[in-house]
Amino acid sequence: MEALATVGSSFEQQFWQKKERFAFPHGQVSVVDVRPETLTDQIPILIAPGWSEDCQTYIKTLRTAFNLGRRALSLEYSRLDGDAIKSEEYPEVELRKALLILDALKKKGIDKADVIAHSEGAINVLIAAMLKPEQFRNMVLDKPAGLIGKDTKSALTDRFIGMLFEDAIISPPLFTDPTSLIRVCERIAWYAAVNPASVTEEMDAIATFEITDLMKALHDRGIMFSVISGVDDPLFPVSKQIKHMQENGAPPIGGYYPVVGGHNELSIHPREHAALAINALDSLQRIRSSR
């Protein structure tokens, strides 16, 4: 694992001055990598972003990890496509993101990572793990896509709009906050405008791709999971999630945490929700170590 030149500098210096941009055959990706001077765990945490999110979305989440002694990375995907990708097994738009995750970790010299995957991030990081399971240790899936059964784009879109209305109530009012509703809407508009064809493909994947079988296969290969669900999450309702798992079999999970709050609490209220996700990773590691 590489030694960072930024060790010993403040969180703000690392976040704002050390953003890296990488170009790979599959596309381009930007990475923010922060590391406190004293680590509580040598394995870094990859925060796999939700749909349309960027590194600034997770600035407070990264700061929480930093304050808890964990090196943490997040990334954002360029909307410019790379080389053509064909797959009969995975949605191609998600496979591209999975390959970029693996490319970025290799470029950073990271041999193994823990993961906090938010929303759509659960799909592409699980695909990445299927391609290279030895790259990952423990994963916490926060309000993950793919655990409520088959959906439709229209139903997903309706719930997404409802989520924006609910976030308008709880999100910070200041324009300067990246989780404010104004900034979120600006980011979504830009994300959709740059590559509208990819948006359609991503919505298809989020609505229809199921992750249970991937979690089972990866558990057999040594990766451990926990799931955090939002009791008030309008996008992936916890009631739908529980019903789907009851009817189709639950994936192997070390912890299941239904918490009060909506879909984007990880970034909006990280002091509680990001801390919970990191504690869930610690709990998985304790289970692993006790075996």
Protein backbone atom coordinates (compact mmCIF):
# COMPACT_ATOMS: atom_id res chain seq x y z
CA MET A 1 0.00 0.00 0.00
CA GLU A 2 1.45 3.35 -0.98
CA ALA A 3 2.54 5.96 1.55
CA LEU A 4 0.73 9.23 1.01
CA ALA A 5 2.67 12.47 0.88
CA THR A 6 -0.35 14.10 2.49
CA VAL A 7 -0.02 12.28 5.81
CA GLY A 8 0.20 14.83 8.61
CA SER A 9 -1.62 17.57 6.71
CA SER A 10 -5.13 18.65 7.66
CA PHE A 11 -8.28 17.12 6.26
CA GLU A 12 -9.08 20.31 4.36
CA GLN A 13 -5.65 20.38 2.72
CA GLN A 14 -5.95 16.77 1.66
CA PHE A 15 -9.50 17.10 0.36
CA TRP A 16 -9.17 20.34 -1.58
CA GLN A 17 -5.60 20.07 -2.83
CA LYS A 18 -5.09 16.40 -3.60
CA LYS A 19 -7.89 15.53 -6.02
CA GLU A 20 -6.45 13.30 -8.73
CA ARG A 21 -7.79 12.66 -12.23
CA PHE A 22 -7.02 9.44 -14.04
CA ALA A 23 -7.73 8.38 -17.61
CA PHE A 24 -8.20 4.68 -18.29
CA PRO A 25 -9.37 2.75 -21.36
CA HIS A 26 -12.84 2.44 -19.78
CA GLY A 27 -13.19 6.18 -19.07
CA GLN A 28 -11.99 8.85 -16.68
CA VAL A 29 -12.34 9.10 -12.93
CA SER A 30 -11.43 11.62 -10.23
CA VAL A 31 -10.34 10.45 -6.77
CA VAL A 32 -10.10 12.16 -3.39
CA ASP A 33 -7.96 10.28 -0.87
CA VAL A 34 -7.64 11.43 2.76
CA ARG A 35 -5.54 9.84 5.47
CA PRO A 36 -5.14 10.82 9.13
CA GLU A 37 -1.72 10.72 10.73
CA THR A 38 -2.74 7.91 13.08
CA LEU A 39 -4.71 5.01 11.62
CA THR A 40 -7.06 2.79 13.60
CA ASP A 41 -7.09 0.27 10.72
CA GLN A 42 -4.57 -0.13 7.92
CA ILE A 43 -7.24 -1.04 5.36
CA PRO A 44 -8.67 2.06 3.61
CA ILE A 45 -12.38 2.64 3.07
CA LEU A 46 -13.71 3.18 -0.44
CA ILE A 47 -16.91 5.21 -0.48
CA ALA A 48 -18.69 4.07 -3.64
CA PRO A 49 -20.96 6.96 -4.68
CA GLY A 50 -24.64 6.89 -5.46
CA TRP A 51 -26.10 7.96 -8.79
CA SER A 52 -24.94 11.42 -9.97
CA GLU A 53 -22.93 12.00 -6.79
CA ASP A 54 -19.41 13.42 -6.75
CA CYS A 55 -16.58 13.71 -4.24
CA GLN A 56 -17.96 16.91 -2.73
CA THR A 57 -21.20 15.11 -1.89
CA TYR A 58 -19.25 12.98 0.57
CA ILE A 59 -16.92 15.62 2.02
CA LYS A 60 -18.54 15.37 5.47
CA THR A 61 -18.61 11.57 5.21
CA LEU A 62 -14.89 11.52 4.40
CA ARG A 63 -14.22 13.90 7.30
CA THR A 64 -16.05 11.54 9.65
CA ALA A 65 -13.86 8.64 8.52
CA PHE A 66 -10.76 10.82 8.87
CA ASN A 67 -11.73 11.81 12.41
CA LEU A 68 -12.28 8.15 13.28
CA GLY A 69 -8.79 7.25 12.15
CA ARG A 70 -9.57 5.70 8.78
CA ARG A 71 -8.01 6.44 5.43
CA ALA A 72 -10.91 6.98 3.03
CA LEU A 73 -11.35 7.51 -0.69
CA SER A 74 -14.24 8.53 -2.86
CA LEU A 75 -14.50 9.03 -6.58
CA GLU A 76 -16.57 10.54 -9.32
CA TYR A 77 -17.00 9.28 -12.84
CA SER A 78 -16.48 11.36 -15.95
CA ARG A 79 -19.52 11.29 -18.22
CA LEU A 80 -17.25 10.76 -21.23
CA ASP A 81 -17.33 7.15 -22.37
CA GLY A 82 -14.15 5.17 -22.92
CA ASP A 83 -13.68 2.08 -25.04
CA ALA A 84 -16.78 0.09 -25.90
CA ILE A 85 -17.74 -2.54 -23.32
CA LYS A 86 -19.87 -5.59 -24.06
CA SER A 87 -21.28 -7.90 -21.43
CA GLU A 88 -24.09 -10.43 -21.29
CA GLU A 89 -23.70 -10.86 -17.52
CA TYR A 90 -23.77 -7.28 -16.21
CA PRO A 91 -25.29 -3.97 -17.30
CA GLU A 92 -22.56 -2.40 -19.40
CA VAL A 93 -22.92 1.05 -17.82
CA GLU A 94 -22.36 -0.51 -14.37
CA LEU A 95 -19.54 -2.73 -15.58
CA ARG A 96 -17.75 0.38 -16.83
CA LYS A 97 -17.95 1.93 -13.35
CA ALA A 98 -16.80 -1.36 -11.78
CA LEU A 99 -13.74 -1.41 -14.01
CA LEU A 100 -12.98 2.22 -13.15
CA ILE A 101 -13.16 1.36 -9.44
CA LEU A 102 -10.59 -1.40 -9.94
CA ASP A 103 -8.43 0.83 -12.13
CA ALA A 104 -8.46 3.62 -9.52
CA LEU A 105 -7.57 1.28 -6.63
CA LYS A 106 -4.70 -0.18 -8.65
CA LYS A 107 -3.46 3.28 -9.58
CA LYS A 108 -3.52 4.26 -5.89
CA GLY A 109 -1.56 1.15 -4.94
CA ILE A 110 -4.38 -0.23 -2.78
CA ASP A 111 -4.33 -4.03 -2.61
CA LYS A 112 -7.42 -4.40 -0.39
CA ALA A 113 -10.21 -2.09 0.69
CA ASP A 114 -13.26 -1.96 2.89
CA VAL A 115 -16.32 -0.42 1.24
CA ILE A 116 -19.22 1.82 2.12
CA ALA A 117 -21.42 1.70 -0.98
CA HIS A 118 -24.32 4.11 -1.26
CA SER A 119 -27.37 3.43 -3.43
CA GLU A 120 -26.32 2.65 -7.04
CA GLY A 121 -22.77 2.27 -5.76
CA ALA A 122 -23.75 -1.13 -4.37
CA ILE A 123 -24.31 -2.44 -7.90
CA ASN A 124 -21.05 -1.36 -9.46
CA VAL A 125 -18.84 -2.15 -6.47
CA LEU A 126 -20.31 -5.66 -6.21
CA ILE A 127 -19.58 -6.19 -9.89
CA ALA A 128 -16.03 -4.96 -9.25
CA ALA A 129 -15.75 -7.49 -6.43
CA MET A 130 -16.99 -10.28 -8.69
CA LEU A 131 -14.19 -9.43 -11.11
CA LYS A 132 -11.55 -9.20 -8.37
CA PRO A 133 -12.79 -10.51 -5.00
CA GLU A 134 -9.32 -10.43 -3.42
CA GLN A 135 -9.43 -6.62 -3.70
CA PHE A 136 -12.11 -6.29 -0.99
CA ARG A 137 -12.55 -7.26 2.66
CA ASN A 138 -15.76 -5.98 4.32
CA MET A 139 -18.65 -4.06 2.75
CA VAL A 140 -21.45 -1.97 4.20
CA LEU A 141 -24.24 -1.32 1.69
CA ASP A 142 -26.06 1.89 2.61
CA LYS A 143 -29.60 2.11 1.17
CA PRO A 144 -28.48 -0.16 -1.67
CA ALA A 145 -30.10 -0.49 -5.06
CA GLY A 146 -30.92 -4.06 -6.02
CA LEU A 147 -32.51 -5.38 -2.83
CA ILE A 148 -36.21 -4.66 -3.43
CA GLY A 149 -36.85 -6.90 -6.45
CA LYS A 150 -37.67 -5.98 -10.03
CA ASP A 151 -38.80 -2.39 -10.50
CA THR A 152 -39.71 -0.11 -13.38
CA LYS A 153 -38.04 3.11 -14.51
CA SER A 154 -41.30 5.03 -14.14
CA ALA A 155 -41.86 3.85 -10.57
CA LEU A 156 -38.22 4.54 -9.71
CA THR A 157 -38.44 8.03 -11.22
CA ASP A 158 -41.61 8.83 -9.25
CA ARG A 159 -39.95 7.76 -6.01
CA PHE A 160 -36.80 9.71 -6.89
CA ILE A 161 -38.85 12.89 -7.27
CA GLY A 162 -40.50 12.16 -3.94
CA MET A 163 -37.07 11.76 -2.40
CA LEU A 164 -36.02 15.21 -3.64
CA PHE A 165 -39.09 16.77 -2.01
CA GLU A 166 -38.31 15.04 1.27
CA ASP A 167 -34.62 16.01 1.09
CA ALA A 168 -35.69 19.63 0.62
CA ILE A 169 -36.94 19.53 4.21
CA ILE A 170 -33.86 17.99 5.83
CA SER A 171 -31.00 19.16 3.60
CA PRO A 172 -28.89 22.19 4.58
CA PRO A 173 -30.28 25.49 3.26
CA LEU A 174 -26.91 27.04 2.42
CA PHE A 175 -26.00 27.00 -1.27
CA THR A 176 -22.38 26.40 -0.30
CA ASP A 177 -23.25 23.00 1.20
CA PRO A 178 -22.88 20.28 -1.47
CA THR A 179 -25.86 18.39 -0.01
CA SER A 180 -28.21 21.39 -0.27
CA LEU A 181 -31.15 20.87 -2.61
CA ILE A 182 -29.94 23.56 -5.02
CA ARG A 183 -26.54 21.95 -5.39
CA VAL A 184 -28.07 18.48 -5.73
CA CYS A 185 -30.41 19.63 -8.52
CA GLU A 186 -27.55 21.40 -10.31
CA ARG A 187 -25.44 18.25 -10.13
CA ILE A 188 -28.26 16.05 -11.42
CA ALA A 189 -28.96 18.42 -14.30
CA TRP A 190 -25.30 18.46 -15.32
CA TYR A 191 -24.99 14.70 -14.92
CA ALA A 192 -27.97 14.05 -17.18
CA ALA A 193 -27.08 16.69 -19.77
CA VAL A 194 -23.53 15.47 -20.40
CA ASN A 195 -24.52 11.92 -21.32
CA PRO A 196 -28.29 11.37 -21.48
CA ALA A 197 -27.92 7.94 -23.08
CA SER A 198 -26.06 6.69 -20.02
CA VAL A 199 -28.82 8.00 -17.74
CA THR A 200 -31.35 5.73 -19.42
CA GLU A 201 -29.04 2.74 -19.07
CA GLU A 202 -28.31 3.56 -15.44
CA MET A 203 -31.99 3.86 -14.60
CA ASP A 204 -32.61 0.47 -16.23
CA ALA A 205 -29.85 -1.08 -14.15
CA ILE A 206 -30.93 0.52 -10.88
CA ALA A 207 -34.53 -0.55 -11.45
CA THR A 208 -33.92 -4.15 -12.54
CA PHE A 209 -30.54 -5.43 -11.41
CA GLU A 210 -30.60 -7.61 -8.29
CA ILE A 211 -27.60 -7.99 -6.02
CA THR A 212 -28.57 -10.92 -3.76
CA ASP A 213 -26.84 -13.58 -5.87
CA LEU A 214 -23.70 -11.47 -6.10
CA MET A 215 -23.63 -11.05 -2.33
CA LYS A 216 -24.00 -14.80 -1.85
CA ALA A 217 -21.21 -15.57 -4.32
CA LEU A 218 -18.90 -12.99 -2.77
CA HIS A 219 -19.64 -14.18 0.76
CA ASP A 220 -18.47 -17.62 -0.36
CA ARG A 221 -15.25 -15.93 -1.52
CA GLY A 222 -14.62 -14.36 1.87
CA ILE A 223 -16.24 -10.90 1.65
CA MET A 224 -18.51 -9.96 4.55
CA PHE A 225 -21.55 -7.67 4.32
CA SER A 226 -23.84 -5.50 6.39
CA VAL A 227 -26.81 -3.50 5.12
CA ILE A 228 -28.11 -0.13 6.34
CA SER A 229 -31.70 0.69 5.36
CA GLY A 230 -33.63 3.89 5.81
CA VAL A 231 -36.97 3.53 7.54
CA ASP A 232 -38.06 6.73 5.78
CA ASP A 233 -36.24 6.04 2.50
CA PRO A 234 -38.71 6.71 -0.33
CA LEU A 235 -36.37 5.42 -3.03
CA PHE A 236 -35.75 1.91 -1.71
CA PRO A 237 -38.35 1.48 1.05
CA VAL A 238 -37.30 -0.79 3.87
CA SER A 239 -40.71 -2.51 3.70
CA LYS A 240 -40.06 -3.53 0.07
CA GLN A 241 -36.56 -4.66 0.99
CA ILE A 242 -37.69 -6.87 3.86
CA LYS A 243 -40.58 -8.30 1.81
CA HIS A 244 -38.24 -9.16 -1.06
CA MET A 245 -35.75 -10.86 1.24
CA GLN A 246 -38.49 -12.82 3.00
CA GLU A 247 -39.89 -14.07 -0.30
CA ASN A 248 -36.59 -14.72 -2.10
CA GLY A 249 -34.12 -15.45 0.66
CA ALA A 250 -31.90 -12.95 2.42
CA PRO A 251 -28.29 -12.56 1.36
CA PRO A 252 -25.66 -13.49 3.96
CA ILE A 253 -25.21 -10.40 6.12
CA GLY A 254 -23.37 -9.83 9.37
CA GLY A 255 -25.60 -6.94 10.38
CA TYR A 256 -28.86 -5.41 9.23
CA TYR A 257 -29.50 -1.85 10.40
CA PRO A 258 -32.89 -0.23 9.71
CA VAL A 259 -32.38 3.37 10.82
CA VAL A 260 -34.60 6.42 11.02
CA GLY A 261 -33.99 8.70 8.07
CA GLY A 262 -34.15 8.97 4.31
CA HIS A 263 -32.01 7.92 1.39
CA ASN A 264 -29.11 10.40 1.62
CA GLU A 265 -28.42 10.51 5.36
CA LEU A 266 -24.90 9.18 4.79
CA SER A 267 -23.87 12.51 3.28
CA ILE A 268 -26.41 14.88 4.89
CA HIS A 269 -25.99 13.74 8.50
CA PRO A 270 -22.68 11.86 8.53
CA ARG A 271 -21.93 12.40 12.22
CA GLU A 272 -24.56 9.75 12.95
CA HIS A 273 -24.94 7.81 9.71
CA ALA A 274 -21.38 7.67 8.38
CA ALA A 275 -20.22 6.85 11.89
CA LEU A 276 -22.74 3.99 11.95
CA ALA A 277 -21.43 2.67 8.64
CA ILE A 278 -17.83 2.74 9.89
CA ASN A 279 -18.86 1.08 13.14
CA ALA A 280 -20.62 -1.58 11.06
CA LEU A 281 -17.35 -2.20 9.19
CA ASP A 282 -15.56 -2.53 12.53
CA SER A 283 -18.19 -5.00 13.69
CA LEU A 284 -17.73 -7.13 10.57
CA GLN A 285 -13.99 -7.17 11.18
CA ARG A 286 -14.50 -8.28 14.77
CA ILE A 287 -16.69 -11.13 13.54
CA ARG A 288 -14.03 -12.06 10.98
CA SER A 289 -11.24 -11.95 13.57
CA SER A 290 -13.18 -14.13 16.04
CA ARG A 291 -13.51 -17.00 13.60
